[in-house]
Amino acid sequence: MTDRFLQSFMLQNWEDLLLLHWPIDKSDLGQSIPDDLEIDTFEGQAWLSVVGFRLSGLRINPISWMPWPSFWEINLRTYVKDKQGNKGVWFYSLDSSDIFAVLGARLMYGLPYNLSLTEGRVSSKRITFCSRRKLPHARARSEFGASFAPIQSGTEFSGSTLDHFLLERYRFWARRKWATVSTSARVRHTPYQAVRTQEIHYKGELFSSQGIAEPTHEATLGHYCKGLKVHASAPSWAFSIAGQANHR
């Protein structure tokens, strides 16, 4: 009972996702993640991604009866693995306009959420995002977007090994400033049904606000996905408190 409760701690929908990806030398990121994680690479290449999407239908146990308004979110992430070989993502920053989501995620998961003015716009062929961060991280703005072919019955979705590396990530880590180890949580969802994008553009300060050089070229690769229903576990420390040693 306790294990099932913790494994499905949150239910949420991720809608209208745009993921823009840049290759980067692994050595440029090595000091930016905790010492109990390492950069995960694809054919020796590390990657950074800017991700924007709309989060809706949020339900949190044990107050799943309480409705939560939808909001747009923008994050900057890279790809990591732990010493046991578990793979997932490391978030440098997450920007949201929902102050309660920001406070809750920082408190429960230790994630580096920021209160920001975030907005997304989507049509049948194009999606754009903009944000203006307020606090607590260094202020930063961003504008990015891409076009995509209309998704119809019979659309062929992205399925290369690189697509899988960048999209199919089912764990994330965070580390509080005073902590000596990173904590993780898992997400569960069906595989992405994503299409590659065109006419990609990005302008902003998401990278530089984290001490990383801003890209000098547009993203090498982009994905658009209409949406996913996602289950998220409680953070790993909650399993430890509950004595659920089978959390992996």
C-alpha atoms as a PDB file:
ATOM      1  CA  MET A   1       0.000   0.000   0.000  1.00  0.00           C
ATOM      2  CA  THR A   2       2.724   2.468   1.008  1.00  0.00           C
ATOM      3  CA  ASP A   3       4.893   1.512  -1.954  1.00  0.00           C
ATOM      4  CA  ARG A   4       2.027   1.987  -4.438  1.00  0.00           C
ATOM      5  CA  PHE A   5       1.210   5.339  -2.844  1.00  0.00           C
ATOM      6  CA  LEU A   6       4.819   6.552  -3.181  1.00  0.00           C
ATOM      7  CA  GLN A   7       5.297   5.191  -6.709  1.00  0.00           C
ATOM      8  CA  SER A   8       2.262   7.129  -7.963  1.00  0.00           C
ATOM      9  CA  PHE A   9       2.745  10.183  -5.795  1.00  0.00           C
ATOM     10  CA  MET A  10       1.800  12.560  -8.617  1.00  0.00           C
ATOM     11  CA  LEU A  11      -0.249  12.358 -11.785  1.00  0.00           C
ATOM     12  CA  GLN A  12       0.094  15.052 -14.429  1.00  0.00           C
ATOM     13  CA  ASN A  13      -0.227  15.702 -18.145  1.00  0.00           C
ATOM     14  CA  TRP A  14       2.620  17.104 -20.213  1.00  0.00           C
ATOM     15  CA  GLU A  15       1.116  18.835 -23.253  1.00  0.00           C
ATOM     16  CA  ASP A  16       2.590  20.482 -26.346  1.00  0.00           C
ATOM     17  CA  LEU A  17       6.206  19.682 -25.611  1.00  0.00           C
ATOM     18  CA  LEU A  18       9.017  21.315 -27.567  1.00  0.00           C
ATOM     19  CA  LEU A  19      12.508  19.938 -26.944  1.00  0.00           C
ATOM     20  CA  LEU A  20      15.534  21.623 -28.513  1.00  0.00           C
ATOM     21  CA  HIS A  21      18.909  19.875 -28.308  1.00  0.00           C
ATOM     22  CA  TRP A  22      22.536  21.008 -28.614  1.00  0.00           C
ATOM     23  CA  PRO A  23      25.628  18.760 -28.565  1.00  0.00           C
ATOM     24  CA  ILE A  24      28.388  19.866 -26.206  1.00  0.00           C
ATOM     25  CA  ASP A  25      31.751  18.539 -25.105  1.00  0.00           C
ATOM     26  CA  LYS A  26      31.465  16.386 -22.004  1.00  0.00           C
ATOM     27  CA  SER A  27      34.418  18.231 -20.465  1.00  0.00           C
ATOM     28  CA  ASP A  28      32.431  21.479 -20.573  1.00  0.00           C
ATOM     29  CA  LEU A  29      29.807  20.026 -18.205  1.00  0.00           C
ATOM     30  CA  GLY A  30      31.819  17.823 -15.874  1.00  0.00           C
ATOM     31  CA  GLN A  31      32.019  20.318 -13.010  1.00  0.00           C
ATOM     32  CA  SER A  32      28.389  21.393 -13.280  1.00  0.00           C
ATOM     33  CA  ILE A  33      26.818  18.223 -11.876  1.00  0.00           C
ATOM     34  CA  PRO A  34      27.204  16.526  -8.468  1.00  0.00           C
ATOM     35  CA  ASP A  35      30.099  14.151  -7.846  1.00  0.00           C
ATOM     36  CA  ASP A  36      27.803  11.113  -7.455  1.00  0.00           C
ATOM     37  CA  LEU A  37      26.539  11.516 -11.030  1.00  0.00           C
ATOM     38  CA  GLU A  38      28.306  11.514 -14.381  1.00  0.00           C
ATOM     39  CA  ILE A  39      27.429  12.903 -17.781  1.00  0.00           C
ATOM     40  CA  ASP A  40      25.708  10.365 -20.020  1.00  0.00           C
ATOM     41  CA  THR A  41      26.815  10.562 -23.655  1.00  0.00           C
ATOM     42  CA  PHE A  42      25.617   9.392 -27.039  1.00  0.00           C
ATOM     43  CA  GLU A  43      28.540   8.088 -29.075  1.00  0.00           C
ATOM     44  CA  GLY A  44      30.857  10.119 -26.840  1.00  0.00           C
ATOM     45  CA  GLN A  45      28.829  13.339 -27.188  1.00  0.00           C
ATOM     46  CA  ALA A  46      27.111  15.130 -24.292  1.00  0.00           C
ATOM     47  CA  TRP A  47      23.881  17.056 -24.893  1.00  0.00           C
ATOM     48  CA  LEU A  48      22.005  20.031 -23.441  1.00  0.00           C
ATOM     49  CA  SER A  49      18.294  20.563 -24.032  1.00  0.00           C
ATOM     50  CA  VAL A  50      15.819  23.385 -23.597  1.00  0.00           C
ATOM     51  CA  VAL A  51      12.332  22.026 -22.988  1.00  0.00           C
ATOM     52  CA  GLY A  52       9.018  23.861 -22.915  1.00  0.00           C
ATOM     53  CA  PHE A  53       5.587  22.391 -22.255  1.00  0.00           C
ATOM     54  CA  ARG A  54       2.222  22.896 -20.601  1.00  0.00           C
ATOM     55  CA  LEU A  55       1.566  21.004 -17.374  1.00  0.00           C
ATOM     56  CA  SER A  56      -2.082  20.228 -16.663  1.00  0.00           C
ATOM     57  CA  GLY A  57      -4.214  17.840 -14.643  1.00  0.00           C
ATOM     58  CA  LEU A  58      -1.824  17.852 -11.695  1.00  0.00           C
ATOM     59  CA  ARG A  59      -2.949  15.598  -8.860  1.00  0.00           C
ATOM     60  CA  ILE A  60      -0.847  15.019  -5.739  1.00  0.00           C
ATOM     61  CA  ASN A  61      -1.412  12.308  -3.150  1.00  0.00           C
ATOM     62  CA  PRO A  62      -2.974  12.368  -0.608  1.00  0.00           C
ATOM     63  CA  ILE A  63      -4.879  15.465  -1.818  1.00  0.00           C
ATOM     64  CA  SER A  64      -5.582  14.174  -5.335  1.00  0.00           C
ATOM     65  CA  TRP A  65      -9.140  15.482  -5.033  1.00  0.00           C
ATOM     66  CA  MET A  66      -7.846  19.066  -5.143  1.00  0.00           C
ATOM     67  CA  PRO A  67      -7.752  20.549  -8.676  1.00  0.00           C
ATOM     68  CA  TRP A  68      -4.631  22.387  -9.801  1.00  0.00           C
ATOM     69  CA  PRO A  69      -4.536  25.033 -12.556  1.00  0.00           C
ATOM     70  CA  SER A  70      -2.433  24.337 -15.631  1.00  0.00           C
ATOM     71  CA  PHE A  71       0.759  26.292 -16.296  1.00  0.00           C
ATOM     72  CA  TRP A  72       3.626  26.542 -18.781  1.00  0.00           C
ATOM     73  CA  GLU A  73       7.078  25.326 -17.786  1.00  0.00           C
ATOM     74  CA  ILE A  74      10.534  25.794 -19.325  1.00  0.00           C
ATOM     75  CA  ASN A  75      13.639  23.911 -18.251  1.00  0.00           C
ATOM     76  CA  LEU A  76      17.292  23.461 -19.141  1.00  0.00           C
ATOM     77  CA  ARG A  77      18.635  19.931 -18.715  1.00  0.00           C
ATOM     78  CA  THR A  78      21.421  17.524 -19.493  1.00  0.00           C
ATOM     79  CA  TYR A  79      21.666  13.735 -19.458  1.00  0.00           C
ATOM     80  CA  VAL A  80      23.291  11.835 -16.626  1.00  0.00           C
ATOM     81  CA  LYS A  81      23.671   8.453 -14.964  1.00  0.00           C
ATOM     82  CA  ASP A  82      24.505   7.360 -11.440  1.00  0.00           C
ATOM     83  CA  LYS A  83      27.148   4.945 -10.186  1.00  0.00           C
ATOM     84  CA  GLN A  84      24.700   2.033 -10.564  1.00  0.00           C
ATOM     85  CA  GLY A  85      24.133   2.835 -14.241  1.00  0.00           C
ATOM     86  CA  ASN A  86      20.635   4.295 -13.833  1.00  0.00           C
ATOM     87  CA  LYS A  87      20.068   6.922 -16.527  1.00  0.00           C
ATOM     88  CA  GLY A  88      18.022  10.086 -16.383  1.00  0.00           C
ATOM     89  CA  VAL A  89      18.231  13.870 -16.458  1.00  0.00           C
ATOM     90  CA  TRP A  90      19.801  16.643 -14.425  1.00  0.00           C
ATOM     91  CA  PHE A  91      17.932  19.956 -14.392  1.00  0.00           C
ATOM     92  CA  TYR A  92      19.988  23.130 -14.263  1.00  0.00           C
ATOM     93  CA  SER A  93      16.860  25.249 -14.005  1.00  0.00           C
ATOM     94  CA  LEU A  94      13.086  24.972 -14.209  1.00  0.00           C
ATOM     95  CA  ASP A  95      10.937  28.064 -14.750  1.00  0.00           C
ATOM     96  CA  SER A  96       7.224  28.199 -13.935  1.00  0.00           C
ATOM     97  CA  SER A  97       4.619  30.898 -13.378  1.00  0.00           C
ATOM     98  CA  ASP A  98       2.856  28.836 -10.677  1.00  0.00           C
ATOM     99  CA  ILE A  99       4.309  29.927  -7.327  1.00  0.00           C
ATOM    100  CA  PHE A 100       2.830  26.952  -5.459  1.00  0.00           C
ATOM    101  CA  ALA A 101       4.347  24.497  -7.942  1.00  0.00           C
ATOM    102  CA  VAL A 102       7.695  26.282  -7.550  1.00  0.00           C
ATOM    103  CA  LEU A 103       7.607  26.126  -3.757  1.00  0.00           C
ATOM    104  CA  GLY A 104       6.283  22.560  -3.651  1.00  0.00           C
ATOM    105  CA  ALA A 105       8.873  21.164  -6.057  1.00  0.00           C
ATOM    106  CA  ARG A 106      11.725  22.941  -4.278  1.00  0.00           C
ATOM    107  CA  LEU A 107      10.518  21.655  -0.906  1.00  0.00           C
ATOM    108  CA  MET A 108       9.690  18.056  -1.879  1.00  0.00           C
ATOM    109  CA  TYR A 109      12.282  17.283  -4.542  1.00  0.00           C
ATOM    110  CA  GLY A 110      14.952  19.943  -4.107  1.00  0.00           C
ATOM    111  CA  LEU A 111      14.548  20.880  -7.764  1.00  0.00           C
ATOM    112  CA  PRO A 112      15.908  24.308  -8.847  1.00  0.00           C
ATOM    113  CA  TYR A 113      12.538  25.816  -9.747  1.00  0.00           C
ATOM    114  CA  ASN A 114      12.212  29.545 -10.377  1.00  0.00           C
ATOM    115  CA  LEU A 115       9.223  31.816 -10.375  1.00  0.00           C
ATOM    116  CA  SER A 116       8.985  33.185 -13.914  1.00  0.00           C
ATOM    117  CA  LEU A 117       6.572  34.703 -16.345  1.00  0.00           C
ATOM    118  CA  THR A 118       6.187  31.860 -18.825  1.00  0.00           C
ATOM    119  CA  GLU A 119       4.000  31.601 -21.879  1.00  0.00           C
ATOM    120  CA  GLY A 120       3.526  29.155 -24.712  1.00  0.00           C
ATOM    121  CA  ARG A 121       1.617  29.408 -27.970  1.00  0.00           C
ATOM    122  CA  VAL A 122       0.822  26.531 -30.275  1.00  0.00           C
ATOM    123  CA  SER A 123      -0.926  26.140 -33.622  1.00  0.00           C
ATOM    124  CA  SER A 124      -1.267  23.161 -35.921  1.00  0.00           C
ATOM    125  CA  LYS A 125       2.210  23.823 -37.390  1.00  0.00           C
ATOM    126  CA  ARG A 126       4.213  25.953 -34.965  1.00  0.00           C
ATOM    127  CA  ILE A 127       4.952  26.309 -31.268  1.00  0.00           C
ATOM    128  CA  THR A 128       6.720  29.165 -29.427  1.00  0.00           C
ATOM    129  CA  PHE A 129       7.703  29.904 -25.840  1.00  0.00           C
ATOM    130  CA  CYS A 130       8.920  32.917 -23.907  1.00  0.00           C
ATOM    131  CA  SER A 131       9.918  33.410 -20.303  1.00  0.00           C
ATOM    132  CA  ARG A 132      11.164  36.073 -17.941  1.00  0.00           C
ATOM    133  CA  ARG A 133      12.638  34.700 -14.740  1.00  0.00           C
ATOM    134  CA  LYS A 134      12.085  36.642 -11.528  1.00  0.00           C
ATOM    135  CA  LEU A 135      13.645  34.638  -8.658  1.00  0.00           C
ATOM    136  CA  PRO A 136      15.481  33.022  -6.889  1.00  0.00           C
ATOM    137  CA  HIS A 137      18.106  32.211  -9.577  1.00  0.00           C
ATOM    138  CA  ALA A 138      19.786  34.887 -11.651  1.00  0.00           C
ATOM    139  CA  ARG A 139      17.217  36.627 -13.810  1.00  0.00           C
ATOM    140  CA  ALA A 140      17.025  35.297 -17.352  1.00  0.00           C
ATOM    141  CA  ARG A 141      14.867  35.663 -20.429  1.00  0.00           C
ATOM    142  CA  SER A 142      14.225  33.222 -23.230  1.00  0.00           C
ATOM    143  CA  GLU A 143      12.387  33.042 -26.536  1.00  0.00           C
ATOM    144  CA  PHE A 144      12.339  29.876 -28.610  1.00  0.00           C
ATOM    145  CA  GLY A 145      10.182  27.987 -31.035  1.00  0.00           C
ATOM    146  CA  ALA A 146       9.964  25.670 -34.008  1.00  0.00           C
ATOM    147  CA  SER A 147       7.643  24.497 -36.741  1.00  0.00           C
ATOM    148  CA  PHE A 148       6.509  20.931 -37.308  1.00  0.00           C
ATOM    149  CA  ALA A 149       4.488  18.951 -39.813  1.00  0.00           C
ATOM    150  CA  PRO A 150       0.849  18.511 -38.766  1.00  0.00           C
ATOM    151  CA  ILE A 151       0.375  15.285 -36.827  1.00  0.00           C
ATOM    152  CA  GLN A 152      -2.197  13.069 -38.498  1.00  0.00           C
ATOM    153  CA  SER A 153      -3.198   9.449 -38.603  1.00  0.00           C
ATOM    154  CA  GLY A 154      -0.247   7.564 -40.045  1.00  0.00           C
ATOM    155  CA  THR A 155       2.353  10.148 -38.965  1.00  0.00           C
ATOM    156  CA  GLU A 156       5.770   8.518 -38.611  1.00  0.00           C
ATOM    157  CA  PHE A 157       7.263   9.378 -35.247  1.00  0.00           C
ATOM    158  CA  SER A 158      10.952   9.795 -34.436  1.00  0.00           C
ATOM    159  CA  GLY A 159      12.577   6.510 -33.535  1.00  0.00           C
ATOM    160  CA  SER A 160      16.345   6.642 -34.018  1.00  0.00           C
ATOM    161  CA  THR A 161      18.755   5.668 -31.264  1.00  0.00           C
ATOM    162  CA  LEU A 162      19.580   9.359 -30.742  1.00  0.00           C
ATOM    163  CA  ASP A 163      15.882  10.222 -30.463  1.00  0.00           C
ATOM    164  CA  HIS A 164      15.524   7.498 -27.826  1.00  0.00           C
ATOM    165  CA  PHE A 165      18.588   8.747 -25.931  1.00  0.00           C
ATOM    166  CA  LEU A 166      17.204  12.286 -25.726  1.00  0.00           C
ATOM    167  CA  LEU A 167      13.533  11.495 -25.105  1.00  0.00           C
ATOM    168  CA  GLU A 168      13.120   8.296 -23.126  1.00  0.00           C
ATOM    169  CA  ARG A 169      14.342   9.396 -19.716  1.00  0.00           C
ATOM    170  CA  TYR A 170      12.485   8.026 -16.712  1.00  0.00           C
ATOM    171  CA  ARG A 171      14.429   9.394 -13.752  1.00  0.00           C
ATOM    172  CA  PHE A 172      15.657  12.758 -12.542  1.00  0.00           C
ATOM    173  CA  TRP A 173      18.049  13.806  -9.808  1.00  0.00           C
ATOM    174  CA  ALA A 174      18.392  16.855  -7.597  1.00  0.00           C
ATOM    175  CA  ARG A 175      20.776  17.879  -4.827  1.00  0.00           C
ATOM    176  CA  ARG A 176      20.162  20.405  -2.124  1.00  0.00           C
ATOM    177  CA  LYS A 177      22.982  22.812  -1.302  1.00  0.00           C
ATOM    178  CA  TRP A 178      23.583  21.322   2.149  1.00  0.00           C
ATOM    179  CA  ALA A 179      23.241  17.658   1.048  1.00  0.00           C
ATOM    180  CA  THR A 180      26.107  15.230   0.505  1.00  0.00           C
ATOM    181  CA  VAL A 181      24.223  12.944  -1.902  1.00  0.00           C
ATOM    182  CA  SER A 182      21.780  13.448  -4.757  1.00  0.00           C
ATOM    183  CA  THR A 183      18.214  12.217  -4.513  1.00  0.00           C
ATOM    184  CA  SER A 184      16.129  10.907  -7.390  1.00  0.00           C
ATOM    185  CA  ALA A 185      12.559  10.276  -8.432  1.00  0.00           C
ATOM    186  CA  ARG A 186      11.095   8.258 -11.280  1.00  0.00           C
ATOM    187  CA  VAL A 187       8.492   9.035 -13.912  1.00  0.00           C
ATOM    188  CA  ARG A 188       6.352   6.589 -15.883  1.00  0.00           C
ATOM    189  CA  HIS A 189       4.671   7.257 -19.202  1.00  0.00           C
ATOM    190  CA  THR A 190       4.166   5.727 -22.618  1.00  0.00           C
ATOM    191  CA  PRO A 191       7.022   6.267 -25.102  1.00  0.00           C
ATOM    192  CA  TYR A 192       7.122   9.666 -26.776  1.00  0.00           C
ATOM    193  CA  GLN A 193       5.234  10.063 -30.015  1.00  0.00           C
ATOM    194  CA  ALA A 194       7.414  12.917 -31.222  1.00  0.00           C
ATOM    195  CA  VAL A 195       8.175  14.409 -34.608  1.00  0.00           C
ATOM    196  CA  ARG A 196      11.314  16.290 -35.551  1.00  0.00           C
ATOM    197  CA  THR A 197      10.969  20.037 -35.958  1.00  0.00           C
ATOM    198  CA  GLN A 198      12.147  22.615 -38.485  1.00  0.00           C
ATOM    199  CA  GLU A 199      12.775  26.370 -38.454  1.00  0.00           C
ATOM    200  CA  ILE A 200      14.168  26.208 -34.947  1.00  0.00           C
ATOM    201  CA  HIS A 201      15.105  29.405 -33.147  1.00  0.00           C
ATOM    202  CA  TYR A 202      16.359  30.171 -29.652  1.00  0.00           C
ATOM    203  CA  LYS A 203      17.404  33.435 -28.018  1.00  0.00           C
ATOM    204  CA  GLY A 204      17.944  33.857 -24.333  1.00  0.00           C
ATOM    205  CA  GLU A 205      19.961  33.585 -21.157  1.00  0.00           C
ATOM    206  CA  LEU A 206      18.988  30.141 -19.873  1.00  0.00           C
ATOM    207  CA  PHE A 207      22.507  28.774 -20.408  1.00  0.00           C
ATOM    208  CA  SER A 208      24.514  31.785 -19.256  1.00  0.00           C
ATOM    209  CA  SER A 209      22.441  32.101 -16.072  1.00  0.00           C
ATOM    210  CA  GLN A 210      23.870  28.688 -15.111  1.00  0.00           C
ATOM    211  CA  GLY A 211      27.466  29.538 -16.000  1.00  0.00           C
ATOM    212  CA  ILE A 212      27.299  27.783 -19.379  1.00  0.00           C
ATOM    213  CA  ALA A 213      28.102  29.573 -22.630  1.00  0.00           C
ATOM    214  CA  GLU A 214      25.067  30.412 -24.731  1.00  0.00           C
ATOM    215  CA  PRO A 215      24.847  28.445 -28.001  1.00  0.00           C
ATOM    216  CA  THR A 216      26.442  30.113 -30.989  1.00  0.00           C
ATOM    217  CA  HIS A 217      24.196  28.222 -33.425  1.00  0.00           C
ATOM    218  CA  GLU A 218      20.611  27.024 -33.512  1.00  0.00           C
ATOM    219  CA  ALA A 219      19.740  23.675 -31.981  1.00  0.00           C
ATOM    220  CA  THR A 220      21.021  20.681 -33.922  1.00  0.00           C
ATOM    221  CA  LEU A 221      17.809  18.764 -33.337  1.00  0.00           C
ATOM    222  CA  GLY A 222      14.283  19.492 -32.146  1.00  0.00           C
ATOM    223  CA  HIS A 223      11.240  17.420 -31.193  1.00  0.00           C
ATOM    224  CA  TYR A 224       7.546  18.207 -30.820  1.00  0.00           C
ATOM    225  CA  CYS A 225       5.161  15.925 -28.928  1.00  0.00           C
ATOM    226  CA  LYS A 226       1.434  16.509 -28.503  1.00  0.00           C
ATOM    227  CA  GLY A 227       1.341  15.129 -24.990  1.00  0.00           C
ATOM    228  CA  LEU A 228       1.812  12.424 -22.368  1.00  0.00           C
ATOM    229  CA  LYS A 229       0.094  11.290 -19.193  1.00  0.00           C
ATOM    230  CA  VAL A 230       2.786  10.990 -16.524  1.00  0.00           C
ATOM    231  CA  HIS A 231       3.021   9.303 -13.125  1.00  0.00           C
ATOM    232  CA  ALA A 232       5.813  10.582 -10.876  1.00  0.00           C
ATOM    233  CA  SER A 233       7.115   8.907  -7.754  1.00  0.00           C
ATOM    234  CA  ALA A 234       7.839  10.600  -4.470  1.00  0.00           C
ATOM    235  CA  PRO A 235      11.510  11.550  -3.971  1.00  0.00           C
ATOM    236  CA  SER A 236      13.848   8.760  -2.916  1.00  0.00           C
ATOM    237  CA  TRP A 237      14.170  10.132   0.625  1.00  0.00           C
ATOM    238  CA  ALA A 238      10.462   9.457   1.160  1.00  0.00           C
ATOM    239  CA  PHE A 239      10.994   5.786   0.313  1.00  0.00           C
ATOM    240  CA  SER A 240      13.833   5.667   2.832  1.00  0.00           C
ATOM    241  CA  ILE A 241      11.624   7.122   5.556  1.00  0.00           C
ATOM    242  CA  ALA A 242       8.893   4.626   4.701  1.00  0.00           C
ATOM    243  CA  GLY A 243      11.385   1.748   4.672  1.00  0.00           C
ATOM    244  CA  GLN A 244      10.701   0.894   1.035  1.00  0.00           C
ATOM    245  CA  ALA A 245      14.094  -0.486   0.111  1.00  0.00           C
ATOM    246  CA  ASN A 246      12.836  -1.747  -3.237  1.00  0.00           C
ATOM    247  CA  HIS A 247      12.786   1.767  -4.759  1.00  0.00           C
ATOM    248  CA  ARG A 248      15.273   1.589  -7.624  1.00  0.00           C
END
